[in-house]
N, C-alpha and C. Protein backbone atom coordinates (compact mmCIF):
# COMPACT_ATOMS: atom_id res chain seq x y z
N MET A 1 184.91 321.65 -67.24
CA MET A 1 184.16 322.30 -66.77
C MET A 1 184.92 323.46 -66.21
N ALA A 2 183.85 324.59 -65.74
CA ALA A 2 184.84 325.96 -65.67
C ALA A 2 184.21 325.65 -63.96
N GLU A 3 185.54 325.73 -63.44
CA GLU A 3 185.34 326.20 -61.56
C GLU A 3 185.12 328.17 -61.56
N ARG A 4 183.77 327.85 -60.77
CA ARG A 4 183.54 329.63 -60.60
C ARG A 4 183.84 329.69 -58.52
N ARG A 5 184.77 330.69 -59.36
CA ARG A 5 185.05 331.36 -57.79
C ARG A 5 183.73 332.68 -56.70
N GLY A 6 183.83 332.32 -55.85
CA GLY A 6 182.78 333.81 -55.10
C GLY A 6 184.15 334.64 -54.69
N LYS A 7 183.73 336.48 -54.39
CA LYS A 7 184.71 337.18 -54.46
C LYS A 7 184.75 336.81 -52.54
N ARG A 8 185.68 337.38 -52.78
CA ARG A 8 186.01 337.17 -50.78
C ARG A 8 185.87 338.96 -50.16
N ALA A 9 185.76 338.68 -49.15
CA ALA A 9 185.35 339.75 -48.68
C ALA A 9 185.85 340.11 -47.24
N VAL A 10 186.59 341.16 -46.64
CA VAL A 10 187.34 341.83 -45.39
C VAL A 10 186.54 342.32 -44.97
N ILE A 11 185.55 342.37 -43.05
CA ILE A 11 184.39 343.39 -42.97
C ILE A 11 185.76 344.21 -41.80
N ILE A 12 185.37 345.03 -41.49
CA ILE A 12 186.20 345.86 -40.51
C ILE A 12 185.41 346.22 -39.49
N SER A 13 184.53 345.96 -37.91
CA SER A 13 184.16 346.53 -37.15
C SER A 13 185.01 347.12 -36.33
N ASN A 14 184.24 347.94 -35.30
CA ASN A 14 185.47 348.01 -33.61
C ASN A 14 186.10 350.00 -34.39
N ILE A 15 185.75 350.22 -35.55
CA ILE A 15 185.93 350.96 -36.03
C ILE A 15 186.47 352.78 -34.97
N LYS A 16 187.41 353.15 -34.98
CA LYS A 16 187.41 353.97 -34.08
C LYS A 16 186.93 355.88 -34.55
N SER A 17 185.83 355.36 -34.67
CA SER A 17 185.04 356.74 -35.64
C SER A 17 183.97 356.87 -35.13
N ASP A 18 183.50 358.59 -35.09
CA ASP A 18 181.88 358.30 -34.90
C ASP A 18 181.04 358.54 -36.23
N SER A 19 181.60 358.36 -36.78
CA SER A 19 180.28 358.11 -38.05
C SER A 19 180.42 356.86 -39.52
N ILE A 20 181.29 355.88 -38.82
CA ILE A 20 181.68 354.74 -39.29
C ILE A 20 181.27 353.74 -38.23
N GLU A 21 180.40 352.60 -38.66
CA GLU A 21 180.25 351.82 -37.72
C GLU A 21 181.09 350.11 -38.61
N GLN A 22 180.98 349.91 -39.34
CA GLN A 22 182.15 348.50 -40.67
C GLN A 22 182.47 349.13 -41.32
N ALA A 23 183.70 348.38 -41.77
CA ALA A 23 184.04 348.97 -43.58
C ALA A 23 184.01 347.33 -44.00
N ILE A 24 183.50 346.64 -45.66
CA ILE A 24 183.78 346.34 -45.92
C ILE A 24 184.33 346.34 -47.32
N PHE A 25 185.52 345.86 -46.98
CA PHE A 25 186.13 345.39 -48.72
C PHE A 25 186.30 344.45 -49.03
N ILE A 26 185.79 344.62 -50.74
CA ILE A 26 185.59 343.26 -51.26
C ILE A 26 186.90 343.41 -52.39
N LEU A 27 187.77 342.31 -51.69
CA LEU A 27 189.48 340.94 -52.33
C LEU A 27 188.99 341.52 -54.20
N ARG A 28 190.25 341.80 -54.31
CA ARG A 28 190.94 341.77 -55.74
C ARG A 28 190.87 340.41 -56.21
N SER A 29 190.71 339.48 -56.83
CA SER A 29 191.26 338.09 -57.45
C SER A 29 192.30 337.91 -58.01
N SER A 30 193.39 337.26 -57.69
CA SER A 30 194.27 336.96 -57.73
C SER A 30 194.69 335.92 -58.89
N SER A 31 195.84 335.85 -59.07
CA SER A 31 196.18 334.29 -60.13
C SER A 31 196.97 333.60 -58.66
N ALA A 32 198.19 334.28 -58.55
CA ALA A 32 198.90 333.52 -57.63
C ALA A 32 197.77 333.97 -56.44
N GLU A 33 198.17 332.70 -55.75
CA GLU A 33 197.25 332.53 -53.87
C GLU A 33 198.80 332.49 -53.02
N PRO A 34 198.84 333.55 -52.30
CA PRO A 34 200.06 333.50 -51.81
C PRO A 34 198.78 333.19 -50.45
N THR A 35 199.67 332.31 -48.65
CA THR A 35 199.62 331.97 -47.37
C THR A 35 198.45 332.84 -47.33
N ALA A 36 197.34 331.43 -46.63
CA ALA A 36 195.70 332.99 -45.83
C ALA A 36 196.52 333.38 -44.73
N ALA A 37 197.04 333.21 -44.00
CA ALA A 37 197.67 334.15 -43.25
C ALA A 37 198.59 335.36 -43.58
N ALA A 38 199.13 335.58 -44.38
CA ALA A 38 200.07 336.72 -44.84
C ALA A 38 199.41 337.32 -45.00
N VAL A 39 198.27 336.71 -46.09
CA VAL A 39 197.45 337.88 -46.68
C VAL A 39 196.47 337.79 -45.93
N GLY A 40 195.67 337.58 -44.90
CA GLY A 40 195.09 338.31 -44.26
C GLY A 40 195.59 339.26 -43.06
N ARG A 41 197.05 339.60 -42.82
CA ARG A 41 197.52 340.46 -42.19
C ARG A 41 197.77 341.73 -43.09
N GLY A 42 197.69 341.16 -44.43
CA GLY A 42 198.33 342.52 -45.22
C GLY A 42 196.68 343.22 -45.56
N ILE A 43 195.69 342.28 -45.59
CA ILE A 43 195.02 342.93 -46.54
C ILE A 43 194.03 343.35 -45.00
N VAL A 44 194.19 343.40 -43.84
CA VAL A 44 193.47 343.91 -42.93
C VAL A 44 194.02 345.64 -42.24
N GLU A 45 195.91 344.75 -42.42
CA GLU A 45 196.60 346.57 -41.50
C GLU A 45 196.15 347.10 -43.16
N GLU A 46 196.51 346.88 -44.55
CA GLU A 46 196.00 347.84 -46.11
C GLU A 46 194.16 348.26 -45.42
N ALA A 47 193.55 347.79 -45.46
CA ALA A 47 192.37 348.52 -44.77
C ALA A 47 192.19 349.29 -43.40
N GLN A 48 192.70 348.86 -42.68
CA GLN A 48 192.87 349.59 -41.50
C GLN A 48 193.76 351.43 -41.96
N GLU A 49 194.42 351.03 -42.97
CA GLU A 49 194.72 352.35 -43.02
C GLU A 49 193.78 353.10 -44.25
N ILE A 50 193.26 352.50 -45.08
CA ILE A 50 192.17 352.99 -46.49
C ILE A 50 191.44 353.81 -44.73
N ILE A 51 191.64 353.02 -44.08
CA ILE A 51 189.45 354.22 -43.00
C ILE A 51 190.71 354.72 -42.85
N ASN A 52 191.90 355.09 -41.62
CA ASN A 52 192.51 355.37 -41.19
C ASN A 52 193.13 357.43 -42.25
N ASN A 53 193.22 356.79 -43.19
CA ASN A 53 192.93 357.73 -44.45
C ASN A 53 191.85 358.65 -44.90
N TYR A 54 190.80 358.07 -44.50
CA TYR A 54 189.89 357.98 -45.25
C TYR A 54 189.30 359.31 -43.85
N ILE A 55 189.38 358.77 -41.95
CA ILE A 55 188.56 359.84 -41.13
C ILE A 55 189.44 360.94 -41.32
N ASN A 56 190.81 360.46 -41.68
CA ASN A 56 191.31 361.91 -41.09
C ASN A 56 191.43 362.98 -42.50
N THR A 57 190.82 362.79 -43.44
CA THR A 57 190.36 363.45 -44.46
C THR A 57 189.05 363.98 -44.37
N ILE A 58 187.97 363.46 -43.78
CA ILE A 58 186.79 363.46 -43.54
C ILE A 58 186.66 364.54 -42.20
N GLU A 59 186.52 363.59 -42.00
CA GLU A 59 185.79 363.02 -40.27
C GLU A 59 186.85 364.51 -39.38
N MET A 60 187.78 364.45 -39.22
CA MET A 60 188.93 365.41 -38.60
C MET A 60 189.46 366.80 -38.46
N PRO A 61 188.73 367.43 -40.05
CA PRO A 61 188.78 368.65 -40.72
C PRO A 61 187.86 368.78 -40.01
N GLU A 62 186.56 368.38 -40.09
CA GLU A 62 184.76 368.73 -39.22
C GLU A 62 184.74 368.71 -38.07
N ALA A 63 186.10 368.18 -37.07
CA ALA A 63 185.68 368.21 -35.77
C ALA A 63 187.50 369.34 -35.62
N ALA A 64 187.96 369.48 -36.18
CA ALA A 64 189.36 370.95 -35.97
C ALA A 64 189.00 372.28 -36.83
N GLU A 65 186.96 372.01 -37.31
CA GLU A 65 186.01 373.58 -37.87
C GLU A 65 186.14 373.66 -36.30
N ARG A 66 184.70 372.76 -35.81
CA ARG A 66 183.61 373.13 -35.07
C ARG A 66 185.44 373.68 -33.15
N SER A 67 186.61 373.04 -33.34
CA SER A 67 186.70 373.80 -32.65
C SER A 67 187.99 374.96 -32.77
N VAL A 68 187.51 375.35 -34.14
CA VAL A 68 188.40 376.56 -34.61
C VAL A 68 186.78 377.72 -33.86
N ARG A 69 185.56 377.33 -34.21
CA ARG A 69 183.90 377.87 -33.60
C ARG A 69 184.05 378.05 -32.39
N SER A 70 184.02 376.94 -31.80
CA SER A 70 184.26 376.74 -30.48
C SER A 70 184.99 378.16 -29.44
N ARG A 71 187.07 378.31 -30.48
CA ARG A 71 188.44 378.86 -30.05
C ARG A 71 186.88 379.96 -29.99
N ARG A 72 186.34 380.68 -31.22
CA ARG A 72 186.11 381.97 -31.53
C ARG A 72 185.49 382.27 -30.95
N PHE A 73 184.42 381.75 -30.11
CA PHE A 73 183.49 381.68 -29.73
C PHE A 73 183.30 382.34 -27.97
N ALA A 74 184.59 380.88 -27.16
CA ALA A 74 185.44 381.72 -26.16
C ALA A 74 186.20 382.75 -26.47
N ALA A 75 186.82 383.60 -27.29
CA ALA A 75 187.45 385.24 -27.67
C ALA A 75 186.35 385.91 -27.70
N VAL A 76 184.96 386.09 -27.95
CA VAL A 76 183.77 387.27 -28.62
C VAL A 76 183.22 387.27 -26.80
N LEU A 77 183.30 385.81 -26.20
CA LEU A 77 182.78 385.83 -24.82
C LEU A 77 183.53 386.60 -23.81
N ALA A 78 184.83 386.18 -24.09
CA ALA A 78 185.85 386.79 -23.04
C ALA A 78 186.82 388.37 -23.40
N VAL A 79 185.86 389.25 -25.13
CA VAL A 79 186.25 390.70 -25.07
C VAL A 79 184.68 391.17 -24.56
N LEU A 80 183.56 390.36 -24.91
CA LEU A 80 182.14 391.11 -24.25
C LEU A 80 182.30 391.31 -22.83
N ALA A 81 183.08 390.19 -22.06
CA ALA A 81 183.25 390.35 -20.82
C ALA A 81 184.20 391.40 -19.49
N PHE A 82 184.81 391.89 -21.15
CA PHE A 82 186.21 392.56 -20.49
C PHE A 82 185.25 394.22 -20.74
N ILE A 83 184.18 393.91 -21.94
CA ILE A 83 183.87 394.87 -22.30
C ILE A 83 182.23 395.79 -20.89
N LEU A 84 181.95 394.36 -20.58
CA LEU A 84 181.34 394.98 -19.25
C LEU A 84 181.92 395.24 -18.00
N SER A 85 183.17 394.88 -18.23
CA SER A 85 183.77 394.92 -16.50
C SER A 85 183.72 396.46 -16.48
N ALA A 86 184.99 396.97 -17.93
CA ALA A 86 184.81 397.90 -17.73
C ALA A 86 183.68 398.84 -17.78
N ALA A 87 182.56 398.68 -18.43
CA ALA A 87 181.78 399.81 -18.41
C ALA A 87 181.08 399.61 -16.55
N ALA A 88 181.36 398.26 -16.17
CA ALA A 88 180.46 398.48 -14.84
C ALA A 88 181.57 399.80 -13.37
N ALA A 89 183.06 398.95 -14.03
CA ALA A 89 183.80 400.14 -13.54
C ALA A 89 184.09 401.75 -13.50
N ALA A 90 183.15 402.02 -15.38
CA ALA A 90 183.42 402.98 -15.33
C ALA A 90 182.17 403.79 -14.35
N VAL A 91 180.14 403.03 -14.35
CA VAL A 91 179.28 403.61 -13.63
C VAL A 91 180.06 403.65 -12.34
N CYS A 92 180.56 402.96 -11.58
CA CYS A 92 181.37 403.30 -9.87
C CYS A 92 181.82 403.94 -10.08
N LEU A 93 182.68 404.92 -11.00
CA LEU A 93 183.64 406.05 -10.84
C LEU A 93 182.74 406.99 -10.77
N LEU A 94 181.76 406.77 -11.68
CA LEU A 94 180.85 407.88 -12.02
C LEU A 94 179.79 407.97 -10.62
N LEU A 95 179.91 407.31 -9.70
CA LEU A 95 178.45 407.04 -8.49
C LEU A 95 178.91 407.32 -7.56
N ASP A 96 181.06 407.11 -7.42
CA ASP A 96 181.16 407.39 -6.08
C ASP A 96 181.71 409.44 -6.27
C-alpha cells in the first residue's frame, strides 16, 4: 500500500512591510527528515531572508524614489522662495 503525504507549508505573519501581510511557503519534500526543531528554525530563517530580499528589491526602491521626488520638490520650493525674496527686496529698493 502506498503512503501519501501532504505538502508542508510555513506561514509567516507580522512582516514589517507596507504591502505584504502574510507569506506562505510550500516546502519541498525531502527523503532525509532532520529533527523538527532544526528544520523549523532553518525554514523560518530562510523564509524571512527571502521576504527581506523581496522588500529590499521591490519596496525600498519605491520609497527611495518618493524620497528623491520630495527632495527635488523641496529644492524647487527653495529656489522659488529665493526668487520671490529677491523680487520683494528689489521692489522695496525701487519704492525708497
